[in-house]
Amino acid sequence: MNIGVVTKWFSSGQATVARYLRSAFEELGHESFILARPGKGPRAGGSDIHDPIWDQPGVTHASQQEVPTDEYARWASDNALDAAFFDNAYEFDEIRNGLRANGVRTVGRFVWEHFSDDDVAPTQDAFDVVYSMTSAEHERYLGMGIDPVRVNFGIHPELLAIEPRRNPDTITLVWPGSFMGRRKPIDEAIEAFGRVDDPRLRLLLRGQVKRKEGKLAKAAQRDPRIEVVLEDQPTAQHLQSFANCDVCLTPSRWEGLGLPLYEATAFGMPILTNDDPPMNEIVSDGVNGILFRSHPDGTTRSGLDAKSPDVDDMARAIGAICDDGRRARLSQGALEVRERLTWSHTVEDLSRLLEAATK
């Protein structure tokens, strides 16, 4: 089967998931083709760094973020596509007319913080099948009248090949900020960290863009335990830097999939996050991390409650993870969760999804 994947194609969560899905399709014996959308916002046009992991065959670069109908049709024809996969694509008419109307089976997924009731009818018109990757979004789709195929996302083998190199004299928390948007409550994280005075603690604030650079520089001046790295990095360098940390501190006002949760688990890292889905689908309090309280703080554009973390309770969690015995137990728990999140289960689920899409 020839399978198309429409996605960003530079260092981002969506593109990383697409790259992993592509490897699964190939493992199942299918050929895959990428239609690379340029993206929008602070990373429109992609990354300025060269990352060899994106140098793959079968990649066509789209002319714009919202791909025109004739461009979809031409891409499908050029590659004799049988099916096409989408992640958070809302150009419903173009997908229906350029692909589905031409016999290409269309398969879509949407992050729940964007997808609203108004999107249900056009989604059912444009897509043969919708799938979900978290229990939270699965239940939301069901409540909207969509019957999605559940794909359990797991830990890709490339993560298991990375060997952490950690400093035994420090306890480094990594805060994965990605594009440094409103979803990531960085002010609360810095405040909570500052309330814990263990001199071994370090906080690595990681982002891919230079948003809030001045504010974070001042935070690092006030607390020399804080390091700020706001730059895109090649995937291998980024993952090694992540793996070298001891704990993942990743509160979120809302979350689509939460790729850092899987990366941290792959590296045997305890996770500190708020007790909200989908984070608490991966993190069990006292098993592979520590969950802290949150409170409603506005809504997402789909009407979901956004959640801000409780600073006092986050500080409690940071203080608790400084206990060497507890941190070791939670790290062992992360390795046990890793065994449950095997990539082979994801490949099996994707095989079922393809069967549902093509029957």
Protein backbone atom coordinates (compact mmCIF):
# COMPACT_ATOMS: atom_id res chain seq x y z
CA MET A 1 0.00 0.00 0.00
CA ASN A 2 1.19 3.56 -0.74
CA ILE A 3 0.51 5.80 2.25
CA GLY A 4 0.80 9.57 2.30
CA VAL A 5 1.46 11.59 5.46
CA VAL A 6 0.67 15.31 5.55
CA THR A 7 2.70 17.03 8.24
CA LYS A 8 5.23 19.65 9.19
CA TRP A 9 8.67 18.30 8.37
CA PHE A 10 11.09 19.97 10.77
CA SER A 11 11.80 19.62 14.47
CA SER A 12 8.38 19.75 16.12
CA GLY A 13 6.10 17.39 17.96
CA GLN A 14 3.80 16.85 14.99
CA ALA A 15 6.68 16.07 12.63
CA THR A 16 8.33 13.72 15.12
CA VAL A 17 5.11 11.74 15.49
CA ALA A 18 4.75 11.66 11.69
CA ARG A 19 8.30 10.39 11.32
CA TYR A 20 7.57 7.63 13.84
CA LEU A 21 4.33 6.71 12.05
CA ARG A 22 6.25 6.52 8.79
CA SER A 23 8.64 4.00 10.31
CA ALA A 24 5.67 1.93 11.49
CA PHE A 25 4.12 1.90 8.03
CA GLU A 26 7.41 0.74 6.57
CA GLU A 27 7.66 -1.95 9.26
CA LEU A 28 4.22 -3.14 8.11
CA GLY A 29 5.51 -3.41 4.56
CA HIS A 30 4.00 -0.23 3.09
CA GLU A 31 5.66 2.59 1.18
CA SER A 32 5.16 6.08 2.54
CA PHE A 33 5.31 9.60 1.09
CA ILE A 34 5.49 12.90 2.97
CA LEU A 35 3.73 16.11 2.00
CA ALA A 36 5.65 18.65 4.07
CA ARG A 37 3.65 21.70 5.08
CA PRO A 38 5.69 24.82 5.93
CA GLY A 39 3.95 25.52 9.24
CA LYS A 40 2.90 28.86 10.64
CA GLY A 41 3.51 31.12 13.61
CA PRO A 42 7.02 31.44 15.12
CA ARG A 43 8.33 28.49 13.12
CA ALA A 44 6.76 29.27 9.73
CA GLY A 45 9.15 28.03 7.07
CA GLY A 46 10.76 25.48 9.38
CA SER A 47 14.06 25.44 11.19
CA ASP A 48 17.26 27.31 10.35
CA ILE A 49 19.49 24.43 11.45
CA HIS A 50 20.38 21.39 9.40
CA ASP A 51 19.18 18.19 10.99
CA PRO A 52 20.01 15.05 8.98
CA ILE A 53 17.11 13.14 10.50
CA TRP A 54 14.75 14.98 8.13
CA ASP A 55 16.82 14.09 5.04
CA GLN A 56 14.58 11.28 3.87
CA PRO A 57 13.35 10.17 0.44
CA GLY A 58 9.80 10.59 -0.74
CA VAL A 59 9.30 14.12 0.62
CA THR A 60 7.32 16.69 -1.38
CA HIS A 61 7.24 20.25 -0.04
CA ALA A 62 3.81 21.87 -0.12
CA SER A 63 3.44 25.41 -1.42
CA GLN A 64 1.62 26.63 1.69
CA GLN A 65 0.28 25.57 5.08
CA GLU A 66 -3.29 25.08 3.81
CA VAL A 67 -2.68 22.92 0.77
CA PRO A 68 -4.86 23.67 -2.31
CA THR A 69 -7.14 21.00 -3.77
CA ASP A 70 -5.21 20.58 -7.00
CA GLU A 71 -1.94 20.21 -5.10
CA TYR A 72 -3.39 17.38 -3.00
CA ALA A 73 -4.71 15.69 -6.14
CA ARG A 74 -1.36 16.00 -7.93
CA TRP A 75 0.59 14.63 -4.95
CA ALA A 76 -1.78 11.66 -4.69
CA SER A 77 -1.54 10.93 -8.41
CA ASP A 78 2.24 11.28 -8.57
CA ASN A 79 2.66 8.75 -5.75
CA ALA A 80 -0.32 6.46 -6.52
CA LEU A 81 -1.60 6.93 -2.98
CA ASP A 82 -4.03 4.47 -1.44
CA ALA A 83 -4.41 6.35 1.85
CA ALA A 84 -3.39 9.67 3.38
CA PHE A 85 -2.86 10.50 7.06
CA PHE A 86 -3.40 13.92 8.62
CA ASP A 87 -2.70 15.49 12.00
CA ASN A 88 -4.76 18.55 12.95
CA ALA A 89 -5.63 19.49 9.35
CA TYR A 90 -8.74 21.65 8.95
CA GLU A 91 -8.81 22.27 5.18
CA PHE A 92 -11.81 19.93 4.93
CA ASP A 93 -13.00 20.88 1.43
CA GLU A 94 -9.54 20.53 -0.07
CA ILE A 95 -8.97 17.13 1.55
CA ARG A 96 -12.38 15.87 0.43
CA ASN A 97 -12.12 17.17 -3.13
CA GLY A 98 -8.42 16.59 -3.73
CA LEU A 99 -8.10 13.17 -2.11
CA ARG A 100 -11.21 11.42 -0.88
CA ALA A 101 -13.20 12.20 -4.02
CA ASN A 102 -10.34 10.68 -6.04
CA GLY A 103 -10.44 7.37 -4.18
CA VAL A 104 -7.73 8.04 -1.60
CA ARG A 105 -8.72 6.86 1.87
CA THR A 106 -8.34 9.75 4.29
CA VAL A 107 -7.41 9.28 7.95
CA GLY A 108 -7.30 12.14 10.45
CA ARG A 109 -6.49 12.99 14.01
CA PHE A 110 -7.09 16.25 15.88
CA VAL A 111 -5.72 17.52 19.17
CA TRP A 112 -8.65 17.99 21.49
CA GLU A 113 -7.86 21.56 22.51
CA HIS A 114 -8.60 22.69 18.93
CA PHE A 115 -11.40 20.37 17.81
CA SER A 116 -14.94 21.68 18.47
CA ASP A 117 -18.51 20.65 17.74
CA ASP A 118 -18.49 22.83 14.64
CA ASP A 119 -15.77 20.60 13.16
CA VAL A 120 -17.67 17.32 13.44
CA ALA A 121 -19.76 17.43 10.25
CA PRO A 122 -16.97 18.66 7.92
CA THR A 123 -14.61 16.07 9.45
CA GLN A 124 -17.02 13.25 8.70
CA ASP A 125 -17.36 14.60 5.16
CA ALA A 126 -13.60 14.83 4.57
CA PHE A 127 -12.26 11.76 6.37
CA ASP A 128 -12.98 8.05 6.04
CA VAL A 129 -11.67 7.38 9.55
CA VAL A 130 -10.71 9.45 12.59
CA TYR A 131 -8.29 8.06 15.16
CA SER A 132 -7.29 9.08 18.68
CA MET A 133 -4.03 8.75 20.59
CA THR A 134 -5.15 9.59 24.14
CA SER A 135 -8.07 8.41 26.21
CA ALA A 136 -9.12 12.01 26.80
CA GLU A 137 -9.47 12.88 23.13
CA HIS A 138 -11.04 9.47 22.43
CA GLU A 139 -13.82 10.13 24.95
CA ARG A 140 -14.29 13.64 23.61
CA TYR A 141 -14.73 12.36 20.03
CA LEU A 142 -17.23 9.73 21.21
CA GLY A 143 -19.25 12.40 22.98
CA MET A 144 -19.39 14.36 19.73
CA GLY A 145 -20.79 11.44 17.74
CA ILE A 146 -17.51 10.30 16.16
CA ASP A 147 -16.41 6.68 16.59
CA PRO A 148 -12.62 6.91 16.47
CA VAL A 149 -10.10 4.09 16.19
CA ARG A 150 -7.88 4.08 19.28
CA VAL A 151 -4.14 4.03 18.58
CA ASN A 152 -2.04 3.63 21.71
CA PHE A 153 1.08 5.70 21.20
CA GLY A 154 4.25 4.12 22.54
CA ILE A 155 7.96 4.68 22.88
CA HIS A 156 9.82 4.60 19.59
CA PRO A 157 12.98 2.46 19.43
CA GLU A 158 15.18 5.44 18.52
CA LEU A 159 14.68 6.76 22.07
CA LEU A 160 15.80 3.48 23.63
CA ALA A 161 19.14 3.73 21.86
CA ILE A 162 20.12 6.85 23.84
CA GLU A 163 22.21 6.30 26.97
CA PRO A 164 21.72 9.02 29.64
CA ARG A 165 24.88 10.63 31.01
CA ARG A 166 23.99 12.22 34.34
CA ASN A 167 25.94 14.14 36.94
CA PRO A 168 25.60 12.31 40.29
CA ASP A 169 26.25 15.55 42.21
CA THR A 170 23.24 17.46 40.86
CA ILE A 171 19.51 16.94 40.36
CA THR A 172 18.62 18.50 37.02
CA LEU A 173 15.02 19.19 36.12
CA VAL A 174 14.33 19.75 32.42
CA TRP A 175 11.40 21.98 31.44
CA PRO A 176 10.53 21.27 27.77
CA GLY A 177 9.12 24.56 26.51
CA SER A 178 8.90 23.81 22.78
CA PHE A 179 7.57 26.99 21.12
CA MET A 180 7.19 28.81 24.47
CA GLY A 181 3.48 29.51 24.06
CA ARG A 182 0.68 30.09 26.57
CA ARG A 183 0.20 26.34 26.98
CA LYS A 184 3.39 26.13 29.04
CA PRO A 185 3.14 27.89 32.45
CA ILE A 186 6.76 28.91 32.77
CA ASP A 187 6.28 31.67 35.36
CA GLU A 188 4.67 29.23 37.77
CA ALA A 189 7.41 26.67 37.19
CA ILE A 190 10.17 29.18 37.92
CA GLU A 191 8.40 30.39 41.06
CA ALA A 192 7.85 26.86 42.36
CA PHE A 193 11.47 25.92 41.64
CA GLY A 194 12.72 29.00 43.50
CA ARG A 195 10.85 27.94 46.65
CA VAL A 196 12.99 24.80 46.97
CA ASP A 197 16.47 25.66 48.21
CA ASP A 198 18.30 22.37 47.72
CA PRO A 199 21.71 23.42 46.34
CA ARG A 200 21.91 20.29 44.18
CA LEU A 201 18.89 21.36 42.16
CA ARG A 202 19.26 22.65 38.60
CA LEU A 203 16.55 23.76 36.18
CA LEU A 204 17.16 23.56 32.43
CA LEU A 205 14.63 25.73 30.61
CA ARG A 206 14.50 24.47 27.01
CA GLY A 207 12.76 26.17 24.14
CA GLN A 208 13.04 26.12 20.37
CA VAL A 209 12.39 29.83 19.86
CA LYS A 210 13.62 32.97 21.61
CA ARG A 211 10.32 33.98 23.14
CA LYS A 212 10.47 35.46 26.67
CA GLU A 213 14.25 35.58 26.38
CA GLY A 214 14.67 38.71 28.53
CA LYS A 215 12.38 37.47 31.30
CA LEU A 216 14.14 34.11 31.46
CA ALA A 217 17.58 35.71 31.47
CA LYS A 218 16.54 37.75 34.53
CA ALA A 219 15.29 34.58 36.23
CA ALA A 220 18.66 32.93 35.63
CA GLN A 221 20.44 35.98 37.05
CA ARG A 222 18.34 35.77 40.22
CA ASP A 223 18.89 32.02 40.61
CA PRO A 224 22.18 30.69 39.20
CA ARG A 225 20.78 27.15 39.39
CA ILE A 226 18.68 28.00 36.31
CA GLU A 227 20.04 27.50 32.79
CA VAL A 228 18.20 28.85 29.75
CA VAL A 229 18.63 27.30 26.30
CA LEU A 230 16.36 28.88 23.68
CA GLU A 231 17.49 27.50 20.36
CA ASP A 232 16.62 24.74 17.99
CA GLN A 233 19.00 21.79 18.04
CA PRO A 234 19.54 18.75 15.84
CA THR A 235 17.39 15.89 17.10
CA ALA A 236 20.30 13.77 18.34
CA GLN A 237 21.72 16.67 20.38
CA HIS A 238 18.32 17.62 21.78
CA LEU A 239 17.47 14.09 22.89
CA GLN A 240 20.87 13.52 24.49
CA SER A 241 20.57 16.80 26.41
CA PHE A 242 17.09 15.78 27.55
CA ALA A 243 18.21 12.29 28.58
CA ASN A 244 21.10 13.68 30.63
CA CYS A 245 18.63 15.32 33.02
CA ASP A 246 17.27 13.56 36.10
CA VAL A 247 13.63 14.69 36.17
CA CYS A 248 11.12 16.08 33.68
CA LEU A 249 9.15 19.06 34.99
CA THR A 250 6.33 19.54 32.50
CA PRO A 251 3.20 21.29 33.76
CA SER A 252 0.76 22.16 31.00
CA ARG A 253 -2.43 24.21 30.77
CA TRP A 254 -3.58 21.80 28.10
CA GLU A 255 -1.88 19.08 26.10
CA GLY A 256 -2.45 17.28 22.82
CA LEU A 257 -0.27 14.18 23.03
CA GLY A 258 2.60 15.27 25.27
CA LEU A 259 5.65 13.90 23.48
CA PRO A 260 8.06 14.84 26.34
CA LEU A 261 6.12 12.45 28.59
CA TYR A 262 7.11 9.56 26.33
CA GLU A 263 10.69 10.79 25.95
CA ALA A 264 11.13 11.12 29.70
CA THR A 265 9.68 7.65 30.25
CA ALA A 266 12.04 6.21 27.64
CA PHE A 267 14.99 7.66 29.57
CA GLY A 268 13.76 6.38 32.95
CA MET A 269 13.04 9.88 34.25
CA PRO A 270 10.42 10.65 36.90
CA ILE A 271 7.88 13.20 35.67
CA LEU A 272 6.41 16.12 37.63
CA THR A 273 3.18 17.44 36.10
CA ASN A 274 -0.32 18.55 36.98
CA ASP A 275 -3.02 15.97 37.64
CA ASP A 276 -4.95 16.50 34.41
CA PRO A 277 -5.44 14.51 31.21
CA PRO A 278 -3.68 13.45 29.14
CA MET A 279 -0.64 13.87 31.41
CA ASN A 280 -2.13 11.65 34.11
CA GLU A 281 -2.71 8.92 31.52
CA ILE A 282 1.07 8.43 31.43
CA VAL A 283 2.04 9.57 34.93
CA SER A 284 0.70 7.78 38.00
CA ASP A 285 1.37 9.57 41.27
CA GLY A 286 3.96 7.72 43.30
CA VAL A 287 4.65 5.23 40.51
CA ASN A 288 6.63 7.06 37.81
CA GLY A 289 6.22 10.65 38.93
CA ILE A 290 4.49 13.12 41.19
CA LEU A 291 1.22 14.84 40.24
CA PHE A 292 0.27 18.24 41.62
CA ARG A 293 -2.96 20.16 41.76
CA SER A 294 -4.23 22.69 39.24
CA HIS A 295 -7.15 25.08 38.87
CA PRO A 296 -9.26 26.24 35.90
CA ASP A 297 -7.74 29.20 34.07
CA GLY A 298 -9.82 30.14 31.02
CA THR A 299 -10.62 27.86 28.11
CA THR A 300 -9.00 26.62 24.93
CA ARG A 301 -10.48 27.58 21.58
CA SER A 302 -12.47 24.33 21.55
CA GLY A 303 -14.05 25.13 24.92
CA LEU A 304 -11.94 22.85 27.12
CA ASP A 305 -10.95 24.13 30.53
CA ALA A 306 -7.35 25.31 30.57
CA LYS A 307 -5.58 24.45 33.83
CA SER A 308 -2.90 26.39 35.66
CA PRO A 309 -0.74 24.48 38.13
CA ASP A 310 -0.92 25.16 41.85
CA VAL A 311 2.46 26.76 42.61
CA ASP A 312 2.53 25.59 46.23
CA ASP A 313 1.78 22.02 45.24
CA MET A 314 4.32 22.10 42.41
CA ALA A 315 6.95 23.31 44.89
CA ARG A 316 5.98 20.38 47.13
CA ALA A 317 6.56 17.98 44.24
CA ILE A 318 9.95 19.53 43.41
CA GLY A 319 10.99 19.30 47.04
CA ALA A 320 9.87 15.67 47.24
CA ILE A 321 11.85 14.64 44.17
CA CYS A 322 15.04 15.80 45.89
CA ASP A 323 14.82 12.75 48.12
CA ASP A 324 17.31 10.33 46.56
CA GLY A 325 15.41 7.21 47.56
CA ARG A 326 12.10 8.46 46.23
CA ARG A 327 13.67 9.63 42.98
CA ALA A 328 15.30 6.23 42.48
CA ARG A 329 11.97 4.44 43.09
CA LEU A 330 10.14 6.69 40.63
CA SER A 331 12.88 6.21 38.07
CA GLN A 332 12.45 2.46 38.39
CA GLY A 333 8.71 3.00 38.00
CA ALA A 334 9.36 4.91 34.78
CA LEU A 335 11.28 1.94 33.40
CA GLU A 336 8.34 -0.33 34.27
CA VAL A 337 5.90 2.01 32.51
CA ARG A 338 8.29 2.00 29.54
CA GLU A 339 7.79 -1.76 29.22
CA ARG A 340 4.05 -1.20 28.95
CA LEU A 341 4.39 1.51 26.29
CA THR A 342 6.11 -0.69 23.73
CA TRP A 343 6.26 0.47 20.13
CA SER A 344 5.08 -2.92 18.90
CA HIS A 345 1.64 -2.15 20.35
CA THR A 346 1.53 1.08 18.34
CA VAL A 347 2.44 -0.77 15.16
CA GLU A 348 -0.34 -3.29 15.81
CA ASP A 349 -2.85 -0.51 16.38
CA LEU A 350 -1.81 1.26 13.19
CA SER A 351 -2.31 -1.98 11.28
CA ARG A 352 -5.87 -2.15 12.64
CA LEU A 353 -6.38 1.50 11.70
CA LEU A 354 -5.30 0.84 8.11
CA GLU A 355 -7.71 -2.08 7.94
CA ALA A 356 -10.55 0.14 9.17
CA ALA A 357 -9.66 2.84 6.64
CA THR A 358 -9.50 0.51 3.62
CA LYS A 359 -12.29 -1.98 4.26
